[in-house]
mmCIF file of all heavy atoms, coordinates in Angstrom:
data_MODEL
# 
_entry.id   MODEL 
# 
loop_
_atom_site.group_PDB 
_atom_site.id 
_atom_site.type_symbol 
_atom_site.label_atom_id 
_atom_site.label_alt_id 
_atom_site.label_comp_id 
_atom_site.label_asym_id 
_atom_site.label_entity_id 
_atom_site.label_seq_id 
_atom_site.pdbx_PDB_ins_code 
_atom_site.Cartn_x 
_atom_site.Cartn_y 
_atom_site.Cartn_z 
_atom_site.occupancy 
_atom_site.B_iso_or_equiv 
_atom_site.pdbx_formal_charge 
_atom_site.auth_seq_id 
_atom_site.auth_comp_id 
_atom_site.auth_asym_id 
_atom_site.auth_atom_id 
_atom_site.pdbx_PDB_model_num 
ATOM 1   N N   . ALA A 1 1  ? 13.327 -4.941  11.715 1.00 0.00 ? 1  ALA A N   1 
ATOM 2   C CA  . ALA A 1 1  ? 14.536 -4.099  11.547 1.00 0.00 ? 1  ALA A CA  1 
ATOM 3   C C   . ALA A 1 1  ? 14.317 -2.990  10.584 1.00 0.00 ? 1  ALA A C   1 
ATOM 4   O O   . ALA A 1 1  ? 15.074 -2.014  10.611 1.00 0.00 ? 1  ALA A O   1 
ATOM 5   C CB  . ALA A 1 1  ? 15.682 -4.981  11.086 1.00 0.00 ? 1  ALA A CB  1 
ATOM 6   N N   . THR A 1 2  ? 13.294 -3.054  9.718  1.00 0.00 ? 2  THR A N   1 
ATOM 7   C CA  . THR A 1 2  ? 13.030 -2.003  8.758  1.00 0.00 ? 2  THR A CA  1 
ATOM 8   C C   . THR A 1 2  ? 11.554 -1.631  8.767  1.00 0.00 ? 2  THR A C   1 
ATOM 9   O O   . THR A 1 2  ? 10.849 -1.913  9.729  1.00 0.00 ? 2  THR A O   1 
ATOM 10  C CB  . THR A 1 2  ? 13.441 -2.417  7.286  1.00 0.00 ? 2  THR A CB  1 
ATOM 11  O OG1 . THR A 1 2  ? 12.580 -3.497  6.847  1.00 0.00 ? 2  THR A OG1 1 
ATOM 12  C CG2 . THR A 1 2  ? 14.877 -2.889  7.271  1.00 0.00 ? 2  THR A CG2 1 
ATOM 13  N N   . THR A 1 3  ? 11.094 -1.005  7.716  1.00 0.00 ? 3  THR A N   1 
ATOM 14  C CA  . THR A 1 3  ? 9.666  -0.608  7.668  1.00 0.00 ? 3  THR A CA  1 
ATOM 15  C C   . THR A 1 3  ? 8.699  -1.784  7.544  1.00 0.00 ? 3  THR A C   1 
ATOM 16  O O   . THR A 1 3  ? 7.536  -1.611  7.739  1.00 0.00 ? 3  THR A O   1 
ATOM 17  C CB  . THR A 1 3  ? 9.413  0.338   6.449  1.00 0.00 ? 3  THR A CB  1 
ATOM 18  O OG1 . THR A 1 3  ? 9.933  -0.285  5.269  1.00 0.00 ? 3  THR A OG1 1 
ATOM 19  C CG2 . THR A 1 3  ? 10.147 1.678   6.679  1.00 0.00 ? 3  THR A CG2 1 
ATOM 20  N N   . ASN A 1 4  ? 9.240  -2.954  7.221  1.00 0.00 ? 4  ASN A N   1 
ATOM 21  C CA  . ASN A 1 4  ? 8.392  -4.151  7.056  1.00 0.00 ? 4  ASN A CA  1 
ATOM 22  C C   . ASN A 1 4  ? 8.179  -4.784  8.404  1.00 0.00 ? 4  ASN A C   1 
ATOM 23  O O   . ASN A 1 4  ? 9.096  -5.393  9.002  1.00 0.00 ? 4  ASN A O   1 
ATOM 24  C CB  . ASN A 1 4  ? 9.054  -5.147  6.113  1.00 0.00 ? 4  ASN A CB  1 
ATOM 25  C CG  . ASN A 1 4  ? 8.099  -6.281  5.685  1.00 0.00 ? 4  ASN A CG  1 
ATOM 26  O OD1 . ASN A 1 4  ? 6.897  -6.059  5.646  1.00 0.00 ? 4  ASN A OD1 1 
ATOM 27  N ND2 . ASN A 1 4  ? 8.645  -7.430  5.433  1.00 0.00 ? 4  ASN A ND2 1 
ATOM 28  N N   . CYS A 1 5  ? 6.969  -4.712  8.879  1.00 0.00 ? 5  CYS A N   1 
ATOM 29  C CA  . CYS A 1 5  ? 6.571  -5.432  10.120 1.00 0.00 ? 5  CYS A CA  1 
ATOM 30  C C   . CYS A 1 5  ? 6.158  -6.818  9.726  1.00 0.00 ? 5  CYS A C   1 
ATOM 31  O O   . CYS A 1 5  ? 5.089  -6.978  9.091  1.00 0.00 ? 5  CYS A O   1 
ATOM 32  C CB  . CYS A 1 5  ? 5.443  -4.666  10.837 1.00 0.00 ? 5  CYS A CB  1 
ATOM 33  S SG  . CYS A 1 5  ? 5.002  -5.384  12.439 1.00 0.00 ? 5  CYS A SG  1 
ATOM 34  N N   . SER A 1 6  ? 6.933  -7.834  10.033 1.00 0.00 ? 6  SER A N   1 
ATOM 35  C CA  . SER A 1 6  ? 6.743  -9.151  9.455  1.00 0.00 ? 6  SER A CA  1 
ATOM 36  C C   . SER A 1 6  ? 6.767  -10.249 10.534 1.00 0.00 ? 6  SER A C   1 
ATOM 37  O O   . SER A 1 6  ? 7.707  -10.263 11.356 1.00 0.00 ? 6  SER A O   1 
ATOM 38  C CB  . SER A 1 6  ? 7.836  -9.392  8.399  1.00 0.00 ? 6  SER A CB  1 
ATOM 39  O OG  . SER A 1 6  ? 7.723  -10.647 7.838  1.00 0.00 ? 6  SER A OG  1 
ATOM 40  N N   . VAL A 1 7  ? 5.817  -11.138 10.474 1.00 0.00 ? 7  VAL A N   1 
ATOM 41  C CA  . VAL A 1 7  ? 5.704  -12.261 11.399 1.00 0.00 ? 7  VAL A CA  1 
ATOM 42  C C   . VAL A 1 7  ? 5.479  -13.527 10.658 1.00 0.00 ? 7  VAL A C   1 
ATOM 43  O O   . VAL A 1 7  ? 4.630  -13.579 9.726  1.00 0.00 ? 7  VAL A O   1 
ATOM 44  C CB  . VAL A 1 7  ? 4.519  -12.030 12.426 1.00 0.00 ? 7  VAL A CB  1 
ATOM 45  C CG1 . VAL A 1 7  ? 4.370  -13.218 13.372 1.00 0.00 ? 7  VAL A CG1 1 
ATOM 46  C CG2 . VAL A 1 7  ? 4.741  -10.741 13.208 1.00 0.00 ? 7  VAL A CG2 1 
ATOM 47  N N   . CYS A 1 8  ? 6.133  -14.600 11.024 1.00 0.00 ? 8  CYS A N   1 
ATOM 48  C CA  . CYS A 1 8  ? 5.977  -15.884 10.342 1.00 0.00 ? 8  CYS A CA  1 
ATOM 49  C C   . CYS A 1 8  ? 6.027  -16.991 11.410 1.00 0.00 ? 8  CYS A C   1 
ATOM 50  O O   . CYS A 1 8  ? 6.970  -17.065 12.217 1.00 0.00 ? 8  CYS A O   1 
ATOM 51  C CB  . CYS A 1 8  ? 7.064  -16.094 9.317  1.00 0.00 ? 8  CYS A CB  1 
ATOM 52  S SG  . CYS A 1 8  ? 7.146  -17.785 8.659  1.00 0.00 ? 8  CYS A SG  1 
ATOM 53  N N   . VAL A 1 9  ? 5.022  -17.842 11.394 1.00 0.00 ? 9  VAL A N   1 
ATOM 54  C CA  . VAL A 1 9  ? 5.030  -19.082 12.223 1.00 0.00 ? 9  VAL A CA  1 
ATOM 55  C C   . VAL A 1 9  ? 5.531  -20.196 11.286 1.00 0.00 ? 9  VAL A C   1 
ATOM 56  O O   . VAL A 1 9  ? 4.989  -20.377 10.173 1.00 0.00 ? 9  VAL A O   1 
ATOM 57  C CB  . VAL A 1 9  ? 3.678  -19.430 12.789 1.00 0.00 ? 9  VAL A CB  1 
ATOM 58  C CG1 . VAL A 1 9  ? 3.701  -20.745 13.537 1.00 0.00 ? 9  VAL A CG1 1 
ATOM 59  C CG2 . VAL A 1 9  ? 3.157  -18.296 13.652 1.00 0.00 ? 9  VAL A CG2 1 
ATOM 60  N N   . ALA A 1 10 ? 6.543  -20.941 11.694 1.00 0.00 ? 10 ALA A N   1 
ATOM 61  C CA  . ALA A 1 10 ? 7.137  -21.977 10.852 1.00 0.00 ? 10 ALA A CA  1 
ATOM 62  C C   . ALA A 1 10 ? 7.151  -23.300 11.582 1.00 0.00 ? 10 ALA A C   1 
ATOM 63  O O   . ALA A 1 10 ? 7.394  -23.374 12.765 1.00 0.00 ? 10 ALA A O   1 
ATOM 64  C CB  . ALA A 1 10 ? 8.548  -21.608 10.431 1.00 0.00 ? 10 ALA A CB  1 
ATOM 65  N N   . SER A 1 11 ? 6.896  -24.340 10.811 1.00 0.00 ? 11 SER A N   1 
ATOM 66  C CA  . SER A 1 11 ? 6.973  -25.734 11.281 1.00 0.00 ? 11 SER A CA  1 
ATOM 67  C C   . SER A 1 11 ? 8.080  -26.445 10.524 1.00 0.00 ? 11 SER A C   1 
ATOM 68  O O   . SER A 1 11 ? 8.009  -26.540 9.302  1.00 0.00 ? 11 SER A O   1 
ATOM 69  C CB  . SER A 1 11 ? 5.679  -26.461 11.108 1.00 0.00 ? 11 SER A CB  1 
ATOM 70  O OG  . SER A 1 11 ? 5.768  -27.829 11.480 1.00 0.00 ? 11 SER A OG  1 
ATOM 71  N N   . GLU A 1 12 ? 9.088  -26.893 11.229 1.00 0.00 ? 12 GLU A N   1 
ATOM 72  C CA  . GLU A 1 12 ? 10.237 -27.562 10.581 1.00 0.00 ? 12 GLU A CA  1 
ATOM 73  C C   . GLU A 1 12 ? 10.846 -26.724 9.466  1.00 0.00 ? 12 GLU A C   1 
ATOM 74  O O   . GLU A 1 12 ? 11.218 -27.208 8.394  1.00 0.00 ? 12 GLU A O   1 
ATOM 75  C CB  . GLU A 1 12 ? 9.794  -28.949 10.053 1.00 0.00 ? 12 GLU A CB  1 
ATOM 76  C CG  . GLU A 1 12 ? 9.401  -29.922 11.112 1.00 0.00 ? 12 GLU A CG  1 
ATOM 77  C CD  . GLU A 1 12 ? 10.541 -30.232 12.082 1.00 0.00 ? 12 GLU A CD  1 
ATOM 78  O OE1 . GLU A 1 12 ? 11.618 -30.575 11.622 1.00 0.00 ? 12 GLU A OE1 1 
ATOM 79  O OE2 . GLU A 1 12 ? 10.310 -30.135 13.311 1.00 0.00 ? 12 GLU A OE2 1 
ATOM 80  N N   . GLY A 1 13 ? 10.898 -25.407 9.672  1.00 0.00 ? 13 GLY A N   1 
ATOM 81  C CA  . GLY A 1 13 ? 11.546 -24.530 8.740  1.00 0.00 ? 13 GLY A CA  1 
ATOM 82  C C   . GLY A 1 13 ? 10.671 -24.054 7.580  1.00 0.00 ? 13 GLY A C   1 
ATOM 83  O O   . GLY A 1 13 ? 11.156 -23.367 6.710  1.00 0.00 ? 13 GLY A O   1 
ATOM 84  N N   . LYS A 1 14 ? 9.426  -24.389 7.592  1.00 0.00 ? 14 LYS A N   1 
ATOM 85  C CA  . LYS A 1 14 ? 8.497  -23.985 6.502  1.00 0.00 ? 14 LYS A CA  1 
ATOM 86  C C   . LYS A 1 14 ? 7.364  -23.143 7.085  1.00 0.00 ? 14 LYS A C   1 
ATOM 87  O O   . LYS A 1 14 ? 6.743  -23.486 8.087  1.00 0.00 ? 14 LYS A O   1 
ATOM 88  C CB  . LYS A 1 14 ? 7.933  -25.203 5.820  1.00 0.00 ? 14 LYS A CB  1 
ATOM 89  C CG  . LYS A 1 14 ? 9.010  -26.035 5.107  1.00 0.00 ? 14 LYS A CG  1 
ATOM 90  C CD  . LYS A 1 14 ? 8.356  -27.217 4.327  1.00 0.00 ? 14 LYS A CD  1 
ATOM 91  C CE  . LYS A 1 14 ? 9.427  -28.059 3.622  1.00 0.00 ? 14 LYS A CE  1 
ATOM 92  N NZ  . LYS A 1 14 ? 8.858  -29.210 2.899  1.00 0.00 ? 14 LYS A NZ  1 
ATOM 93  N N   . ALA A 1 15 ? 7.087  -22.022 6.388  1.00 0.00 ? 15 ALA A N   1 
ATOM 94  C CA  . ALA A 1 15 ? 6.073  -21.095 6.890  1.00 0.00 ? 15 ALA A CA  1 
ATOM 95  C C   . ALA A 1 15 ? 4.698  -21.719 6.823  1.00 0.00 ? 15 ALA A C   1 
ATOM 96  O O   . ALA A 1 15 ? 4.301  -22.236 5.815  1.00 0.00 ? 15 ALA A O   1 
ATOM 97  C CB  . ALA A 1 15 ? 6.101  -19.813 5.999  1.00 0.00 ? 15 ALA A CB  1 
ATOM 98  N N   . ILE A 1 16 ? 3.917  -21.597 7.927  1.00 0.00 ? 16 ILE A N   1 
ATOM 99  C CA  . ILE A 1 16 ? 2.569  -22.083 7.958  1.00 0.00 ? 16 ILE A CA  1 
ATOM 100 C C   . ILE A 1 16 ? 1.580  -20.940 8.351  1.00 0.00 ? 16 ILE A C   1 
ATOM 101 O O   . ILE A 1 16 ? 0.351  -21.154 8.311  1.00 0.00 ? 16 ILE A O   1 
ATOM 102 C CB  . ILE A 1 16 ? 2.394  -23.306 8.885  1.00 0.00 ? 16 ILE A CB  1 
ATOM 103 C CG1 . ILE A 1 16 ? 2.861  -22.942 10.299 1.00 0.00 ? 16 ILE A CG1 1 
ATOM 104 C CG2 . ILE A 1 16 ? 3.182  -24.487 8.334  1.00 0.00 ? 16 ILE A CG2 1 
ATOM 105 C CD1 . ILE A 1 16 ? 2.571  -24.063 11.325 1.00 0.00 ? 16 ILE A CD1 1 
ATOM 106 N N   . GLY A 1 17 ? 2.123  -19.800 8.746  1.00 0.00 ? 17 GLY A N   1 
ATOM 107 C CA  . GLY A 1 17 ? 1.304  -18.669 9.098  1.00 0.00 ? 17 GLY A CA  1 
ATOM 108 C C   . GLY A 1 17 ? 2.075  -17.416 8.889  1.00 0.00 ? 17 GLY A C   1 
ATOM 109 O O   . GLY A 1 17 ? 3.185  -17.273 9.464  1.00 0.00 ? 17 GLY A O   1 
ATOM 110 N N   . ILE A 1 18 ? 1.581  -16.448 8.100  1.00 0.00 ? 18 ILE A N   1 
ATOM 111 C CA  . ILE A 1 18 ? 2.379  -15.252 7.746  1.00 0.00 ? 18 ILE A CA  1 
ATOM 112 C C   . ILE A 1 18 ? 1.465  -14.024 7.860  1.00 0.00 ? 18 ILE A C   1 
ATOM 113 O O   . ILE A 1 18 ? 0.328  -14.042 7.422  1.00 0.00 ? 18 ILE A O   1 
ATOM 114 C CB  . ILE A 1 18 ? 2.928  -15.330 6.299  1.00 0.00 ? 18 ILE A CB  1 
ATOM 115 C CG1 . ILE A 1 18 ? 3.725  -16.580 6.096  1.00 0.00 ? 18 ILE A CG1 1 
ATOM 116 C CG2 . ILE A 1 18 ? 3.681  -14.077 5.984  1.00 0.00 ? 18 ILE A CG2 1 
ATOM 117 C CD1 . ILE A 1 18 ? 4.013  -16.860 4.638  1.00 0.00 ? 18 ILE A CD1 1 
ATOM 118 N N   . LYS A 1 19 ? 2.006  -13.006 8.444  1.00 0.00 ? 19 LYS A N   1 
ATOM 119 C CA  . LYS A 1 19 ? 1.348  -11.690 8.465  1.00 0.00 ? 19 LYS A CA  1 
ATOM 120 C C   . LYS A 1 19 ? 2.419  -10.629 8.425  1.00 0.00 ? 19 LYS A C   1 
ATOM 121 O O   . LYS A 1 19 ? 3.282  -10.560 9.298  1.00 0.00 ? 19 LYS A O   1 
ATOM 122 C CB  . LYS A 1 19 ? 0.471  -11.537 9.737  1.00 0.00 ? 19 LYS A CB  1 
ATOM 123 C CG  . LYS A 1 19 ? -0.255 -10.215 9.800  1.00 0.00 ? 19 LYS A CG  1 
ATOM 124 C CD  . LYS A 1 19 ? -1.266 -10.091 8.613  1.00 0.00 ? 19 LYS A CD  1 
ATOM 125 C CE  . LYS A 1 19 ? -2.033 -8.768  8.701  1.00 0.00 ? 19 LYS A CE  1 
ATOM 126 N NZ  . LYS A 1 19 ? -2.955 -8.599  7.509  1.00 0.00 ? 19 LYS A NZ  1 
ATOM 127 N N   . GLU A 1 20 ? 2.390  -9.776  7.410  1.00 0.00 ? 20 GLU A N   1 
ATOM 128 C CA  . GLU A 1 20 ? 3.371  -8.722  7.327  1.00 0.00 ? 20 GLU A CA  1 
ATOM 129 C C   . GLU A 1 20 ? 2.802  -7.493  6.532  1.00 0.00 ? 20 GLU A C   1 
ATOM 130 O O   . GLU A 1 20 ? 1.909  -7.674  5.711  1.00 0.00 ? 20 GLU A O   1 
ATOM 131 C CB  . GLU A 1 20 ? 4.672  -9.200  6.651  1.00 0.00 ? 20 GLU A CB  1 
ATOM 132 C CG  . GLU A 1 20 ? 4.525  -9.701  5.204  1.00 0.00 ? 20 GLU A CG  1 
ATOM 133 C CD  . GLU A 1 20 ? 5.864  -10.196 4.703  1.00 0.00 ? 20 GLU A CD  1 
ATOM 134 O OE1 . GLU A 1 20 ? 6.924  -10.096 5.381  1.00 0.00 ? 20 GLU A OE1 1 
ATOM 135 O OE2 . GLU A 1 20 ? 5.868  -10.770 3.584  1.00 0.00 ? 20 GLU A OE2 1 
ATOM 136 N N   . GLN A 1 21 ? 3.382  -6.364  6.806  1.00 0.00 ? 21 GLN A N   1 
ATOM 137 C CA  . GLN A 1 21 ? 2.958  -5.152  6.113  1.00 0.00 ? 21 GLN A CA  1 
ATOM 138 C C   . GLN A 1 21 ? 4.132  -4.206  6.012  1.00 0.00 ? 21 GLN A C   1 
ATOM 139 O O   . GLN A 1 21 ? 4.772  -3.866  7.059  1.00 0.00 ? 21 GLN A O   1 
ATOM 140 C CB  . GLN A 1 21 ? 1.798  -4.466  6.818  1.00 0.00 ? 21 GLN A CB  1 
ATOM 141 C CG  . GLN A 1 21 ? 1.246  -3.249  6.133  1.00 0.00 ? 21 GLN A CG  1 
ATOM 142 C CD  . GLN A 1 21 ? 0.074  -2.640  6.826  1.00 0.00 ? 21 GLN A CD  1 
ATOM 143 O OE1 . GLN A 1 21 ? 0.113  -2.494  8.042  1.00 0.00 ? 21 GLN A OE1 1 
ATOM 144 N NE2 . GLN A 1 21 ? -0.980 -2.319  6.131  1.00 0.00 ? 21 GLN A NE2 1 
ATOM 145 N N   . ASN A 1 22 ? 4.465  -3.744  4.824  1.00 0.00 ? 22 ASN A N   1 
ATOM 146 C CA  . ASN A 1 22 ? 5.552  -2.809  4.633  1.00 0.00 ? 22 ASN A CA  1 
ATOM 147 C C   . ASN A 1 22 ? 4.974  -1.411  4.333  1.00 0.00 ? 22 ASN A C   1 
ATOM 148 O O   . ASN A 1 22 ? 4.378  -1.233  3.304  1.00 0.00 ? 22 ASN A O   1 
ATOM 149 C CB  . ASN A 1 22 ? 6.456  -3.272  3.497  1.00 0.00 ? 22 ASN A CB  1 
ATOM 150 C CG  . ASN A 1 22 ? 7.681  -2.435  3.312  1.00 0.00 ? 22 ASN A CG  1 
ATOM 151 O OD1 . ASN A 1 22 ? 8.124  -1.782  4.300  1.00 0.00 ? 22 ASN A OD1 1 
ATOM 152 N ND2 . ASN A 1 22 ? 8.264  -2.374  2.147  1.00 0.00 ? 22 ASN A ND2 1 
ATOM 153 N N   . THR A 1 23 ? 5.161  -0.519  5.242  1.00 0.00 ? 23 THR A N   1 
ATOM 154 C CA  . THR A 1 23 ? 4.651  0.825   5.062  1.00 0.00 ? 23 THR A CA  1 
ATOM 155 C C   . THR A 1 23 ? 5.780  1.838   5.275  1.00 0.00 ? 23 THR A C   1 
ATOM 156 O O   . THR A 1 23 ? 6.686  1.585   6.007  1.00 0.00 ? 23 THR A O   1 
ATOM 157 C CB  . THR A 1 23 ? 3.487  1.120   6.072  1.00 0.00 ? 23 THR A CB  1 
ATOM 158 O OG1 . THR A 1 23 ? 4.022  0.997   7.393  1.00 0.00 ? 23 THR A OG1 1 
ATOM 159 C CG2 . THR A 1 23 ? 2.311  0.240   5.862  1.00 0.00 ? 23 THR A CG2 1 
ATOM 160 N N   . PRO A 1 24 ? 5.703  2.985   4.647  1.00 0.00 ? 24 PRO A N   1 
ATOM 161 C CA  . PRO A 1 24 ? 6.751  4.002   4.772  1.00 0.00 ? 24 PRO A CA  1 
ATOM 162 C C   . PRO A 1 24 ? 6.958  4.427   6.233  1.00 0.00 ? 24 PRO A C   1 
ATOM 163 O O   . PRO A 1 24 ? 8.063  4.717   6.683  1.00 0.00 ? 24 PRO A O   1 
ATOM 164 C CB  . PRO A 1 24 ? 6.257  5.214   3.938  1.00 0.00 ? 24 PRO A CB  1 
ATOM 165 C CG  . PRO A 1 24 ? 5.365  4.544   2.931  1.00 0.00 ? 24 PRO A CG  1 
ATOM 166 C CD  . PRO A 1 24 ? 4.687  3.436   3.652  1.00 0.00 ? 24 PRO A CD  1 
ATOM 167 N N   . LYS A 1 25 ? 5.844  4.489   6.981  1.00 0.00 ? 25 LYS A N   1 
ATOM 168 C CA  . LYS A 1 25 ? 5.926  4.789   8.397  1.00 0.00 ? 25 LYS A CA  1 
ATOM 169 C C   . LYS A 1 25 ? 5.945  3.535   9.219  1.00 0.00 ? 25 LYS A C   1 
ATOM 170 O O   . LYS A 1 25 ? 5.218  2.605   8.950  1.00 0.00 ? 25 LYS A O   1 
ATOM 171 C CB  . LYS A 1 25 ? 4.733  5.672   8.787  1.00 0.00 ? 25 LYS A CB  1 
ATOM 172 C CG  . LYS A 1 25 ? 4.693  7.052   8.134  1.00 0.00 ? 25 LYS A CG  1 
ATOM 173 C CD  . LYS A 1 25 ? 3.512  7.846   8.628  1.00 0.00 ? 25 LYS A CD  1 
ATOM 174 C CE  . LYS A 1 25 ? 3.476  9.233   7.980  1.00 0.00 ? 25 LYS A CE  1 
ATOM 175 N NZ  . LYS A 1 25 ? 2.328  10.038  8.461  1.00 0.00 ? 25 LYS A NZ  1 
ATOM 176 N N   . TYR A 1 26 ? 6.815  3.526   10.192 1.00 0.00 ? 26 TYR A N   1 
ATOM 177 C CA  . TYR A 1 26 ? 6.948  2.329   11.012 1.00 0.00 ? 26 TYR A CA  1 
ATOM 178 C C   . TYR A 1 26 ? 5.648  2.124   11.842 1.00 0.00 ? 26 TYR A C   1 
ATOM 179 O O   . TYR A 1 26 ? 5.160  3.031   12.506 1.00 0.00 ? 26 TYR A O   1 
ATOM 180 C CB  . TYR A 1 26 ? 8.117  2.489   12.026 1.00 0.00 ? 26 TYR A CB  1 
ATOM 181 C CG  . TYR A 1 26 ? 9.481  2.347   11.373 1.00 0.00 ? 26 TYR A CG  1 
ATOM 182 C CD1 . TYR A 1 26 ? 10.064 3.490   10.743 1.00 0.00 ? 26 TYR A CD1 1 
ATOM 183 C CD2 . TYR A 1 26 ? 10.136 1.153   11.304 1.00 0.00 ? 26 TYR A CD2 1 
ATOM 184 C CE1 . TYR A 1 26 ? 11.290 3.392   10.138 1.00 0.00 ? 26 TYR A CE1 1 
ATOM 185 C CE2 . TYR A 1 26 ? 11.376 1.027   10.678 1.00 0.00 ? 26 TYR A CE2 1 
ATOM 186 C CZ  . TYR A 1 26 ? 11.945 2.157   10.125 1.00 0.00 ? 26 TYR A CZ  1 
ATOM 187 O OH  . TYR A 1 26 ? 13.138 2.021   9.470  1.00 0.00 ? 26 TYR A OH  1 
ATOM 188 N N   . SER A 1 27 ? 5.075  0.897   11.748 1.00 0.00 ? 27 SER A N   1 
ATOM 189 C CA  . SER A 1 27 ? 3.868  0.603   12.436 1.00 0.00 ? 27 SER A CA  1 
ATOM 190 C C   . SER A 1 27 ? 4.045  -0.511  13.432 1.00 0.00 ? 27 SER A C   1 
ATOM 191 O O   . SER A 1 27 ? 3.083  -1.108  13.930 1.00 0.00 ? 27 SER A O   1 
ATOM 192 C CB  . SER A 1 27 ? 2.753  0.180   11.405 1.00 0.00 ? 27 SER A CB  1 
ATOM 193 O OG  . SER A 1 27 ? 3.197  -0.960  10.707 1.00 0.00 ? 27 SER A OG  1 
ATOM 194 N N   . HIS A 1 28 ? 5.294  -0.795  13.779 1.00 0.00 ? 28 HIS A N   1 
ATOM 195 C CA  . HIS A 1 28 ? 5.580  -1.971  14.613 1.00 0.00 ? 28 HIS A CA  1 
ATOM 196 C C   . HIS A 1 28 ? 4.926  -1.912  15.996 1.00 0.00 ? 28 HIS A C   1 
ATOM 197 O O   . HIS A 1 28 ? 4.411  -2.918  16.493 1.00 0.00 ? 28 HIS A O   1 
ATOM 198 C CB  . HIS A 1 28 ? 7.082  -2.141  14.765 1.00 0.00 ? 28 HIS A CB  1 
ATOM 199 C CG  . HIS A 1 28 ? 7.792  -2.196  13.499 1.00 0.00 ? 28 HIS A CG  1 
ATOM 200 N ND1 . HIS A 1 28 ? 7.229  -2.404  12.285 1.00 0.00 ? 28 HIS A ND1 1 
ATOM 201 C CD2 . HIS A 1 28 ? 9.132  -2.047  13.216 1.00 0.00 ? 28 HIS A CD2 1 
ATOM 202 C CE1 . HIS A 1 28 ? 8.092  -2.412  11.306 1.00 0.00 ? 28 HIS A CE1 1 
ATOM 203 N NE2 . HIS A 1 28 ? 9.293  -2.177  11.821 1.00 0.00 ? 28 HIS A NE2 1 
# 
């Protein structure tokens, strides 16, 4: 939704894999 391109894989509500990057320019 914003400049932060963020992905999280969660198991039972807890993050087990995360990849994100917040840049001024949208890189989605």
